[in-house]
C-alpha atoms as a PDB file:
ATOM      1  CA  MET A   1      -5.962 -19.296  37.554  1.00  0.00           C
ATOM      2  CA  ILE A   2      -6.800 -22.863  38.935  1.00  0.00           C
ATOM      3  CA  VAL A   3      -3.776 -24.830  39.870  1.00  0.00           C
ATOM      4  CA  CYS A   4      -5.509 -27.964  41.164  1.00  0.00           C
ATOM      5  CA  VAL A   5      -8.931 -28.968  39.846  1.00  0.00           C
ATOM      6  CA  CYS A   6      -9.323 -31.969  42.096  1.00  0.00           C
ATOM      7  CA  ASN A   7      -8.867 -29.669  45.231  1.00  0.00           C
ATOM      8  CA  ALA A   8     -10.227 -26.560  43.566  1.00  0.00           C
ATOM      9  CA  LEU A   9      -6.854 -24.651  44.600  1.00  0.00           C
ATOM     10  CA  LYS A  10      -6.338 -21.220  43.092  1.00  0.00           C
ATOM     11  CA  GLU A  11      -2.819 -19.991  42.163  1.00  0.00           C
ATOM     12  CA  ARG A  12      -3.051 -17.192  44.717  1.00  0.00           C
ATOM     13  CA  ASP A  13      -3.860 -19.724  47.451  1.00  0.00           C
ATOM     14  CA  VAL A  14      -0.888 -21.962  46.527  1.00  0.00           C
ATOM     15  CA  ARG A  15       1.383 -19.072  46.381  1.00  0.00           C
ATOM     16  CA  GLU A  16       0.348 -17.814  49.901  1.00  0.00           C
ATOM     17  CA  ALA A  17       0.637 -21.393  51.310  1.00  0.00           C
ATOM     18  CA  ALA A  18       4.143 -21.740  49.888  1.00  0.00           C
ATOM     19  CA  ARG A  19       5.199 -18.557  51.644  1.00  0.00           C
ATOM     20  CA  VAL A  20       3.610 -19.715  55.023  1.00  0.00           C
ATOM     21  CA  ALA A  21       4.884 -23.374  54.648  1.00  0.00           C
ATOM     22  CA  ASP A  22       8.506 -21.850  54.083  1.00  0.00           C
ATOM     23  CA  ARG A  23       9.334 -24.853  51.961  1.00  0.00           C
ATOM     24  CA  ASN A  24       9.991 -25.249  48.211  1.00  0.00           C
ATOM     25  CA  CYS A  25       7.659 -28.224  47.845  1.00  0.00           C
ATOM     26  CA  PRO A  26       4.060 -28.172  46.377  1.00  0.00           C
ATOM     27  CA  LYS A  27       3.045 -30.961  48.687  1.00  0.00           C
ATOM     28  CA  ALA A  28       3.952 -28.845  51.629  1.00  0.00           C
ATOM     29  CA  ALA A  29       1.722 -25.990  50.198  1.00  0.00           C
ATOM     30  CA  PHE A  30      -1.167 -28.555  49.635  1.00  0.00           C
ATOM     31  CA  ALA A  31      -0.804 -29.681  53.225  1.00  0.00           C
ATOM     32  CA  GLN A  32      -0.819 -25.984  54.407  1.00  0.00           C
ATOM     33  CA  LEU A  33      -4.083 -25.631  52.584  1.00  0.00           C
ATOM     34  CA  GLY A  34      -5.326 -28.919  54.265  1.00  0.00           C
ATOM     35  CA  CYS A  35      -5.433 -31.114  51.323  1.00  0.00           C
ATOM     36  CA  LYS A  36      -3.029 -33.211  49.106  1.00  0.00           C
ATOM     37  CA  PRO A  37      -2.657 -33.784  45.374  1.00  0.00           C
ATOM     38  CA  LYS A  38      -4.985 -36.596  44.213  1.00  0.00           C
ATOM     39  CA  CYS A  39      -4.482 -37.242  40.403  1.00  0.00           C
ATOM     40  CA  GLY A  40      -0.968 -35.494  40.218  1.00  0.00           C
ATOM     41  CA  GLN A  41      -1.750 -33.583  37.076  1.00  0.00           C
ATOM     42  CA  CYS A  42      -1.363 -30.336  38.954  1.00  0.00           C
ATOM     43  CA  LEU A  43       2.295 -30.973  40.297  1.00  0.00           C
ATOM     44  CA  PRO A  44       4.388 -29.648  37.670  1.00  0.00           C
ATOM     45  CA  PHE A  45       2.413 -26.211  37.512  1.00  0.00           C
ATOM     46  CA  ALA A  46       2.194 -26.222  41.457  1.00  0.00           C
ATOM     47  CA  ARG A  47       5.998 -26.821  41.514  1.00  0.00           C
ATOM     48  CA  GLU A  48       6.393 -23.716  39.268  1.00  0.00           C
ATOM     49  CA  VAL A  49       4.044 -21.556  41.323  1.00  0.00           C
ATOM     50  CA  VAL A  50       5.703 -22.514  44.633  1.00  0.00           C
ATOM     51  CA  SER A  51       9.115 -21.853  43.133  1.00  0.00           C
ATOM     52  CA  GLU A  52       8.143 -18.455  42.010  1.00  0.00           C
ATOM     53  CA  ALA A  53       6.586 -17.627  45.399  1.00  0.00           C
ATOM     54  CA  ARG A  54       9.714 -18.683  47.212  1.00  0.00           C
ATOM     55  CA  ASN A  55      12.020 -16.696  44.907  1.00  0.00           C
ATOM     56  CA  ALA A  56       9.950 -13.574  45.283  1.00  0.00           C
ATOM     57  CA  ALA A  57       9.915 -13.909  49.061  1.00  0.00           C
END
């Protein structure tokens, strides 16, 4: 599933970046992937994905 249309980020990529970034922040996951939120529409879903990834770790 696509998390961020502006950056074409997939859910699995955001999950992995959240694990690597070791922070419960979607912006840190985006930075780990070499980008940043543009329009901001994705942040609520990205926040949810990052939180789930961190809780599963």
